Amino acid sequence: MGTVRYRVLGMAVCLAFITYLDRVCIAVTAPDIMRDLGLTKLQMSFVFSAFTVAYGLFEIPSGWWGDKVGTRRVLMRIVVWWSTFTMATAAAFSYGSLLVIRFLFGMGEAGAWPNVAKTFSRWFPVSERGTAQGIFFMGAHFGGGVTPFIVVALTSWLGWRAVFPIFGAIGFLWAAVWYWWFRDDPAEHPSVHELELLHIRDGRASVARTGHAGMWNSSILFLCLMYFTQTYGFYFFITWLPTYLEKQKGLAATQLSLMIGLPMLLSMIADLTGGITTDRMTKRFGLRIGRSAVGGVSLFAAGIFVITGAYLSNPLLSGLLIAMAGASANFLLGAAWGACVDIAGDRAGVVSAFMNTAGQVGGAISPIAFALLTEGKTDWSAPLYLTGVLYILGAACWFGIRPERSHVPG
C-alpha cells in the first residue's frame, strides 16, 4: 500500500527530538549560566519563561499560517529561526541579552507542533492519528531524556557556550531536508502509491470538516483549560526538576543524572502506549471514550503520583513517583492532539495552536511560581502539591471535551 506517510512521521519525530534537544539544554546548563552571568534564581526563572511567553504569543499566528500556506514552508521557517537563536544563546553576555535571545528563540519555535498536527491531518487517516502523535511525542521526550547526558558531556569538554551552536546546526540540516523532500498534499508527492493515497483520503473523509471549524465551542475551551494544567506541570520537569531533586531530596550526582532524564525516558513509553491506546479505544468505543477517558485518567493519575512523590522523604522513591507523574501526564498527548484534529478538521493548525497557547501560559507561569513559592523556604514541596491539584482539575476538564460531536456547519 505504501509507506511514505511513515517517512513523514519519521521526519516529524526528528523535528520533535531537535526541539527538546534545544529546550532542555538551557535547563541543564542553567547553573553554569547563572554563575557566569551573575543571575539569581528568580532571574533565571524569567529567562525560562521568556521563551514560553514568546512561544505562546506567536503560536496561533504560526498555526494559522500553516493552515493558509501549508506546513512545508512554515515548518522550514520555524526550524531555521529557532536554530539561529539557539546558536545565539552562546553569545549572551548579560541578563538582558539572554532574555531577548530566549524570547526570540521562543518566537521562532512557536507553531512547530500545531503545524505537525496539521501535517498529520493531511497525511494520516483518523484511525492512525493518535498513534502518530504518540510516536511524535516519543521523539520529543527521547530528546529530553538523553539531552542531560549529552549536555553534561559536552559542557565538561567544551564549556556551556559551545553546546548551543552545535545543537543549532542540527536544525539547519533538518530544515533543508524537509523543504526538499516533503509535500503538503500526499497527492503531490511523487513517491506516494495510489493505494496509500486512497487509504489516507478514505480515513480523512469519514471525519471531514469544512467551513469554519468550531474554535469557540465548549470542547475547545475545556481542551485549553486541560492543556494549561498539563503544560504547567511539564515545565517543572524541564526547568526546576534538577534543582529540586538536588536541594530538596539530596540526591547524589550519579543518582541525579539518572533522575533528571527519567521523566522523559518514561514518557517515551507513555507516548507510544498512550497513542496506541487512544486509537484502539476509539476504534472499539468511539471518540468520546477513546480520547476523553484516556486523557482524564492520565491526568488524574499524574496528580496522585506527584503529590505522593513530594510528600515522601525517601529520595529515590520520591524521584521515581515524580517521574511517573510526568510520564502519566504525557500519556494523554495522543488523545489531546488527536482530539484537536477530530474537532477542527481543516483548521487543525490554528485550533491546536489555541490549545498549545493555553498550555504555554501555564508553562510561562510554572517556573516563576516555583521560584516565588520556594523563596526563602527550606521545604520546596508547595509547588509540587499545586501541580498535583492542577493535574486533577485538568482531568475533570475532559468531562467537557466532546470530540465525537461535529462542531461545524454541515
Protein backbone atom coordinates (compact mmCIF):
# COMPACT_ATOMS: atom_id res chain seq x y z
CA MET A 1 0.00 0.00 0.00
CA GLY A 2 2.93 2.35 0.53
CA THR A 3 4.80 3.78 3.48
CA VAL A 4 5.56 7.39 2.56
CA ARG A 5 3.37 8.64 5.43
CA TYR A 6 5.62 6.75 7.84
CA ARG A 7 8.62 8.59 6.46
CA VAL A 8 6.73 11.84 7.04
CA LEU A 9 6.26 10.65 10.61
CA GLY A 10 9.99 9.89 10.81
CA MET A 11 10.82 13.46 9.80
CA ALA A 12 8.36 14.76 12.40
CA VAL A 13 9.98 12.60 15.08
CA CYS A 14 13.38 14.06 14.19
CA LEU A 15 11.85 17.53 14.50
CA ALA A 16 10.45 16.66 17.92
CA PHE A 17 13.84 15.36 19.07
CA ILE A 18 15.56 18.58 18.00
CA THR A 19 13.00 20.81 19.75
CA TYR A 20 13.70 19.13 23.08
CA LEU A 21 17.42 18.99 22.48
CA ASP A 22 17.31 22.79 22.29
CA ARG A 23 14.74 23.36 25.07
CA VAL A 24 16.22 21.08 27.73
CA CYS A 25 19.76 22.20 27.04
CA ILE A 26 19.31 25.50 28.86
CA ALA A 27 17.84 23.81 31.95
CA VAL A 28 20.90 21.58 32.27
CA THR A 29 23.35 24.45 31.68
CA ALA A 30 21.41 26.83 33.97
CA PRO A 31 23.84 26.57 36.95
CA ASP A 32 26.80 27.46 34.70
CA ILE A 33 24.88 30.28 33.01
CA MET A 34 23.73 31.70 36.36
CA ARG A 35 27.30 31.64 37.67
CA ASP A 36 28.89 33.22 34.59
CA LEU A 37 26.23 35.92 34.11
CA GLY A 38 25.59 36.52 37.81
CA LEU A 39 21.88 35.61 37.69
CA THR A 40 19.59 34.92 40.63
CA LYS A 41 17.12 32.05 40.77
CA LEU A 42 14.23 34.42 40.02
CA GLN A 43 16.08 35.99 37.08
CA MET A 44 16.74 32.53 35.63
CA SER A 45 13.03 31.78 36.04
CA PHE A 46 12.22 34.80 33.89
CA VAL A 47 14.74 33.56 31.30
CA PHE A 48 12.91 30.21 31.19
CA SER A 49 9.58 31.99 30.89
CA ALA A 50 10.76 34.44 28.20
CA PHE A 51 10.86 31.53 25.77
CA THR A 52 7.43 30.33 26.85
CA VAL A 53 5.78 33.75 26.65
CA ALA A 54 7.03 34.31 23.11
CA TYR A 55 6.11 30.76 22.15
CA GLY A 56 2.57 31.33 23.38
CA LEU A 57 2.16 34.75 21.75
CA PHE A 58 3.15 33.55 18.29
CA GLU A 59 1.61 30.07 18.43
CA ILE A 60 -1.78 30.99 16.96
CA PRO A 61 -0.41 33.17 14.09
CA SER A 62 2.01 30.37 13.15
CA GLY A 63 -0.76 27.75 13.29
CA TRP A 64 -3.00 29.95 11.13
CA TRP A 65 -0.13 30.49 8.70
CA GLY A 66 0.36 26.72 8.34
CA ASP A 67 -3.37 26.29 7.60
CA LYS A 68 -3.14 29.02 4.96
CA VAL A 69 0.11 28.32 3.07
CA GLY A 70 0.99 24.74 4.08
CA THR A 71 3.37 23.22 6.58
CA ARG A 72 6.24 22.61 4.17
CA ARG A 73 7.23 26.27 4.08
CA VAL A 74 6.12 27.17 7.59
CA LEU A 75 7.99 24.38 9.38
CA MET A 76 11.12 25.14 7.38
CA ARG A 77 10.92 28.78 8.50
CA ILE A 78 10.26 27.80 12.11
CA VAL A 79 13.26 25.49 12.36
CA VAL A 80 15.67 27.92 10.67
CA TRP A 81 14.56 30.73 13.01
CA TRP A 82 14.80 28.78 16.25
CA SER A 83 18.11 27.20 15.26
CA THR A 84 19.55 30.65 14.66
CA PHE A 85 18.67 31.80 18.16
CA THR A 86 19.71 28.52 19.72
CA MET A 87 23.17 29.29 18.38
CA ALA A 88 22.88 32.92 19.51
CA THR A 89 22.34 31.82 23.13
CA ALA A 90 26.07 31.17 23.29
CA ALA A 91 26.69 34.89 22.74
CA ALA A 92 24.65 36.07 25.77
CA PHE A 93 26.67 38.46 27.89
CA SER A 94 24.12 39.72 30.44
CA TYR A 95 20.71 39.06 31.94
CA GLY A 96 19.05 41.41 29.42
CA SER A 97 20.74 39.89 26.38
CA LEU A 98 19.79 36.38 27.50
CA LEU A 99 16.16 37.43 27.99
CA VAL A 100 15.99 38.90 24.47
CA ILE A 101 17.67 35.90 22.83
CA ARG A 102 15.41 33.38 24.56
CA PHE A 103 12.32 35.45 23.71
CA LEU A 104 13.33 35.44 20.04
CA PHE A 105 14.06 31.72 20.28
CA GLY A 106 10.51 31.13 21.57
CA MET A 107 9.06 33.34 18.84
CA GLY A 108 10.79 31.24 16.22
CA GLU A 109 9.77 27.86 17.62
CA ALA A 110 6.12 28.87 18.02
CA GLY A 111 3.78 26.88 15.83
CA ALA A 112 6.01 23.84 15.35
CA TRP A 113 3.68 21.35 16.99
CA PRO A 114 0.38 22.73 15.62
CA ASN A 115 1.91 22.53 12.17
CA VAL A 116 2.91 18.92 12.82
CA ALA A 117 -0.70 18.24 13.85
CA LYS A 118 -1.80 19.89 10.62
CA THR A 119 0.64 17.69 8.69
CA PHE A 120 -0.78 14.57 10.34
CA SER A 121 -4.33 15.69 9.50
CA ARG A 122 -3.33 15.67 5.82
CA TRP A 123 -1.14 12.58 5.80
CA PHE A 124 -2.85 10.16 8.22
CA PRO A 125 -6.38 8.74 8.47
CA VAL A 126 -8.17 9.32 11.77
CA SER A 127 -7.58 5.71 12.88
CA GLU A 128 -3.79 6.30 12.89
CA ARG A 129 -3.51 9.85 14.20
CA GLY A 130 -3.33 9.09 17.92
CA THR A 131 -0.51 6.63 17.34
CA ALA A 132 1.27 9.08 15.03
CA GLN A 133 1.01 11.80 17.68
CA GLY A 134 2.25 9.40 20.35
CA ILE A 135 5.29 8.42 18.29
CA PHE A 136 5.94 12.10 17.56
CA PHE A 137 5.96 12.97 21.26
CA MET A 138 8.10 9.90 21.94
CA GLY A 139 10.78 11.51 19.78
CA ALA A 140 10.45 14.75 21.74
CA HIS A 141 10.78 13.08 25.10
CA PHE A 142 13.64 10.87 23.93
CA GLY A 143 15.40 14.12 23.10
CA GLY A 144 14.57 15.45 26.54
CA GLY A 145 15.73 12.24 28.19
CA VAL A 146 19.14 11.97 26.53
CA THR A 147 19.90 15.71 26.38
CA PRO A 148 21.15 15.93 30.00
CA PHE A 149 23.76 13.24 29.33
CA ILE A 150 24.85 14.86 26.05
CA VAL A 151 25.00 18.36 27.55
CA VAL A 152 26.93 17.27 30.65
CA ALA A 153 29.50 15.50 28.45
CA LEU A 154 29.87 18.42 26.02
CA THR A 155 29.93 21.04 28.76
CA SER A 156 32.70 19.29 30.69
CA TRP A 157 34.71 19.12 27.48
CA LEU A 158 33.91 22.37 25.67
CA GLY A 159 32.06 24.61 28.15
CA TRP A 160 28.38 25.61 28.05
CA ARG A 161 28.74 28.23 25.31
CA ALA A 162 29.93 25.66 22.76
CA VAL A 163 26.89 23.44 23.23
CA PHE A 164 24.33 25.82 21.71
CA PRO A 165 25.99 26.29 18.27
CA ILE A 166 26.36 22.51 17.94
CA PHE A 167 22.68 21.92 18.66
CA GLY A 168 21.58 24.82 16.46
CA ALA A 169 23.44 23.43 13.44
CA ILE A 170 21.39 20.22 13.57
CA GLY A 171 18.20 22.21 12.96
CA PHE A 172 19.53 23.74 9.75
CA LEU A 173 20.21 20.27 8.37
CA TRP A 174 16.65 19.14 9.17
CA ALA A 175 15.10 22.23 7.55
CA ALA A 176 16.99 21.67 4.30
CA VAL A 177 15.93 18.01 4.02
CA TRP A 178 12.30 18.80 4.93
CA TYR A 179 11.88 21.54 2.34
CA TRP A 180 13.49 19.41 -0.39
CA TRP A 181 11.54 16.19 0.28
CA PHE A 182 8.16 16.98 1.88
CA ARG A 183 4.90 17.97 0.13
CA ASP A 184 1.82 19.48 1.79
CA ASP A 185 -0.59 17.22 -0.09
CA PRO A 186 0.13 13.45 -0.32
CA ALA A 187 -1.19 13.55 -3.90
CA GLU A 188 1.69 15.86 -4.85
CA HIS A 189 4.42 13.59 -3.52
CA PRO A 190 5.99 11.55 -6.33
CA SER A 191 6.60 8.50 -4.09
CA VAL A 192 3.03 8.09 -2.82
CA HIS A 193 1.35 4.96 -4.21
CA GLU A 194 -2.27 5.19 -5.34
CA LEU A 195 -3.39 2.67 -2.70
CA GLU A 196 -1.74 4.67 0.09
CA LEU A 197 -3.38 7.83 -1.17
CA LEU A 198 -6.81 6.15 -1.16
CA HIS A 199 -6.20 4.85 2.36
CA ILE A 200 -5.36 8.35 3.59
CA ARG A 201 -8.26 10.02 1.79
CA ASP A 202 -10.85 7.45 2.91
CA GLY A 203 -9.73 7.79 6.52
CA ARG A 204 -9.94 11.56 6.32
CA ALA A 205 -13.30 11.62 4.58
CA SER A 206 -15.07 9.83 7.42
CA VAL A 207 -14.49 12.79 9.73
CA ALA A 208 -14.04 15.61 7.24
CA ARG A 209 -14.84 19.11 8.41
CA THR A 210 -15.47 22.05 6.13
CA GLY A 211 -16.21 25.71 6.57
CA HIS A 212 -15.29 27.41 9.83
CA ALA A 213 -14.15 24.94 12.47
CA GLY A 214 -15.80 25.44 15.82
CA MET A 215 -12.95 27.23 17.52
CA TRP A 216 -15.16 28.86 20.14
CA ASN A 217 -17.21 25.90 21.34
CA SER A 218 -17.03 24.43 24.82
CA SER A 219 -14.88 21.47 23.79
CA ILE A 220 -12.08 23.78 22.64
CA LEU A 221 -12.42 25.80 25.86
CA PHE A 222 -12.06 22.70 28.02
CA LEU A 223 -9.18 21.45 25.86
CA CYS A 224 -7.39 24.73 26.51
CA LEU A 225 -8.02 24.61 30.26
CA MET A 226 -6.88 20.99 30.41
CA TYR A 227 -3.70 21.69 28.46
CA PHE A 228 -2.90 24.64 30.72
CA THR A 229 -2.63 22.23 33.65
CA GLN A 230 -0.70 19.60 31.69
CA THR A 231 1.91 22.05 30.44
CA TYR A 232 2.17 23.87 33.77
CA GLY A 233 3.33 20.59 35.28
CA PHE A 234 5.51 19.68 32.33
CA TYR A 235 7.57 22.87 32.57
CA PHE A 236 8.59 21.98 36.11
CA PHE A 237 10.25 18.86 34.67
CA ILE A 238 12.28 20.79 32.08
CA THR A 239 13.22 23.74 34.29
CA TRP A 240 13.50 23.25 38.06
CA LEU A 241 13.42 19.46 38.49
CA PRO A 242 17.24 19.09 38.64
CA THR A 243 17.49 21.78 41.31
CA TYR A 244 14.55 20.37 43.27
CA LEU A 245 15.97 16.84 43.36
CA GLU A 246 19.39 18.09 44.41
CA LYS A 247 18.37 20.68 47.02
CA GLN A 248 15.15 19.20 48.39
CA LYS A 249 15.74 15.46 48.07
CA GLY A 250 19.53 15.45 48.41
CA LEU A 251 20.27 13.13 45.50
CA ALA A 252 23.92 12.39 44.81
CA ALA A 253 25.43 13.38 41.47
CA THR A 254 25.20 9.89 39.94
CA GLN A 255 21.59 9.45 41.07
CA LEU A 256 20.74 12.97 39.93
CA SER A 257 21.85 12.37 36.33
CA LEU A 258 19.51 9.39 36.10
CA MET A 259 16.55 11.08 37.79
CA ILE A 260 16.75 14.22 35.64
CA GLY A 261 16.27 12.18 32.47
CA LEU A 262 13.92 9.55 33.93
CA PRO A 263 10.63 11.51 33.43
CA MET A 264 11.41 11.93 29.74
CA LEU A 265 12.56 8.36 29.25
CA LEU A 266 9.42 7.01 30.95
CA SER A 267 7.40 9.45 28.86
CA MET A 268 8.67 7.77 25.70
CA ILE A 269 6.88 4.60 26.76
CA ALA A 270 3.81 6.62 27.77
CA ASP A 271 3.76 8.49 24.45
CA LEU A 272 3.73 5.33 22.36
CA THR A 273 1.35 3.32 24.55
CA GLY A 274 -0.90 6.34 25.03
CA GLY A 275 -1.16 6.90 21.29
CA ILE A 276 -1.89 3.26 20.60
CA THR A 277 -4.39 3.14 23.46
CA THR A 278 -6.37 6.16 22.28
CA ASP A 279 -6.60 4.79 18.72
CA ARG A 280 -7.64 1.32 19.84
CA MET A 281 -10.15 2.67 22.35
CA THR A 282 -11.53 4.96 19.66
CA LYS A 283 -12.00 2.05 17.23
CA ARG A 284 -13.76 -0.03 19.87
CA PHE A 285 -15.75 2.51 21.89
CA GLY A 286 -15.80 5.71 19.81
CA LEU A 287 -14.08 9.07 20.11
CA ARG A 288 -15.67 10.01 23.44
CA ILE A 289 -14.04 7.12 25.32
CA GLY A 290 -11.01 6.89 23.07
CA ARG A 291 -9.97 10.49 23.62
CA SER A 292 -11.64 11.84 26.78
CA ALA A 293 -11.44 8.78 29.05
CA VAL A 294 -7.79 8.18 28.20
CA GLY A 295 -6.94 11.84 28.81
CA GLY A 296 -8.87 12.14 32.08
CA VAL A 297 -7.43 9.01 33.70
CA SER A 298 -3.91 10.04 32.66
CA LEU A 299 -4.04 13.43 34.36
CA PHE A 300 -5.77 12.13 37.48
CA ALA A 301 -3.04 9.51 37.96
CA ALA A 302 -0.37 12.17 37.38
CA GLY A 303 -1.86 14.30 40.15
CA ILE A 304 -1.78 11.43 42.65
CA PHE A 305 1.78 10.49 41.70
CA VAL A 306 3.25 13.99 42.03
CA ILE A 307 1.54 14.75 45.36
CA THR A 308 2.69 11.43 46.83
CA GLY A 309 6.21 11.90 45.47
CA ALA A 310 6.52 15.33 47.04
CA TYR A 311 5.28 14.02 50.39
CA LEU A 312 7.64 11.03 50.68
CA SER A 313 11.03 11.53 52.30
CA ASN A 314 12.82 8.63 50.57
CA PRO A 315 14.70 10.45 47.78
CA LEU A 316 14.81 7.63 45.23
CA LEU A 317 11.17 6.60 45.71
CA SER A 318 10.11 10.23 45.63
CA GLY A 319 12.06 10.83 42.42
CA LEU A 320 10.56 7.73 40.84
CA LEU A 321 6.97 8.77 41.65
CA ILE A 322 7.57 12.29 40.35
CA ALA A 323 8.99 10.79 37.15
CA MET A 324 5.90 8.57 36.87
CA ALA A 325 3.74 11.68 37.25
CA GLY A 326 5.48 13.29 34.29
CA ALA A 327 5.05 10.16 32.18
CA SER A 328 1.39 9.79 33.16
CA ALA A 329 0.65 13.40 32.22
CA ASN A 330 2.24 12.74 28.83
CA PHE A 331 0.23 9.55 28.26
CA LEU A 332 -2.65 11.80 27.12
CA LEU A 333 -0.79 13.63 24.35
CA GLY A 334 -2.00 11.39 21.54
CA ALA A 335 -5.57 11.81 22.79
CA ALA A 336 -5.28 15.59 23.25
CA TRP A 337 -3.75 16.41 19.89
CA GLY A 338 -5.92 13.79 18.21
CA ALA A 339 -8.99 15.45 19.71
CA CYS A 340 -7.91 18.78 18.22
CA VAL A 341 -7.85 17.28 14.73
CA ASP A 342 -11.12 15.37 15.36
CA ILE A 343 -12.89 18.61 16.29
CA ALA A 344 -11.16 21.03 13.90
CA GLY A 345 -10.61 19.13 10.65
CA ASP A 346 -9.18 21.51 8.05
CA ARG A 347 -8.49 24.13 10.74
CA ALA A 348 -6.34 21.72 12.74
CA GLY A 349 -3.32 24.04 12.73
CA VAL A 350 -4.99 27.05 14.29
CA VAL A 351 -7.24 25.10 16.71
CA SER A 352 -4.36 23.03 18.06
CA ALA A 353 -2.42 26.31 18.32
CA PHE A 354 -5.15 27.67 20.61
CA MET A 355 -4.76 24.62 22.84
CA ASN A 356 -0.98 24.82 22.84
CA THR A 357 -1.07 28.56 23.55
CA ALA A 358 -3.12 27.90 26.66
CA GLY A 359 -0.51 25.33 27.62
CA GLN A 360 2.29 27.85 27.15
CA VAL A 361 0.54 30.25 29.52
CA GLY A 362 0.80 27.52 32.13
CA GLY A 363 4.38 26.85 31.09
CA ALA A 364 5.31 30.53 31.48
CA ILE A 365 3.79 30.73 34.95
CA SER A 366 5.24 27.44 36.21
CA PRO A 367 8.96 28.27 36.72
CA ILE A 368 8.16 31.70 38.17
CA ALA A 369 5.62 30.21 40.58
CA PHE A 370 8.20 27.65 41.66
CA ALA A 371 10.75 30.36 42.43
CA LEU A 372 8.23 32.52 44.32
CA LEU A 373 6.75 29.63 46.33
CA THR A 374 10.20 28.43 47.44
CA GLU A 375 11.82 31.82 48.06
CA GLY A 376 13.39 31.82 51.50
CA LYS A 377 11.97 28.40 52.41
CA THR A 378 13.71 25.13 53.22
CA ASP A 379 10.74 22.98 52.18
CA TRP A 380 10.14 23.10 48.43
CA SER A 381 7.10 20.81 48.34
CA ALA A 382 4.42 23.51 47.84
CA PRO A 383 4.92 23.91 44.05
CA LEU A 384 4.56 20.15 43.56
CA TYR A 385 1.37 19.99 45.62
CA LEU A 386 0.00 22.82 43.47
CA THR A 387 0.99 20.91 40.32
CA GLY A 388 -0.82 17.81 41.57
CA VAL A 389 -4.02 19.74 42.27
CA LEU A 390 -3.88 21.33 38.82
CA TYR A 391 -3.44 17.92 37.20
CA ILE A 392 -6.58 16.66 38.96
CA LEU A 393 -8.54 19.75 37.86
CA GLY A 394 -7.26 19.14 34.32
CA ALA A 395 -8.57 15.59 34.50
CA ALA A 396 -12.03 16.97 35.31
CA CYS A 397 -11.87 19.15 32.17
CA TRP A 398 -12.07 16.03 30.00
CA PHE A 399 -15.73 15.65 31.00
CA GLY A 400 -16.41 18.74 28.88
CA ILE A 401 -14.44 17.65 25.81
CA ARG A 402 -16.67 16.03 23.16
CA PRO A 403 -14.54 15.05 20.15
CA GLU A 404 -17.32 12.83 18.79
CA ARG A 405 -19.58 15.79 18.05
CA SER A 406 -19.40 17.75 14.83
CA HIS A 407 -18.77 21.39 15.69
CA VAL A 408 -19.05 22.87 12.22
CA PRO A 409 -21.99 23.59 9.98
CA GLY A 410 -22.83 20.77 7.67
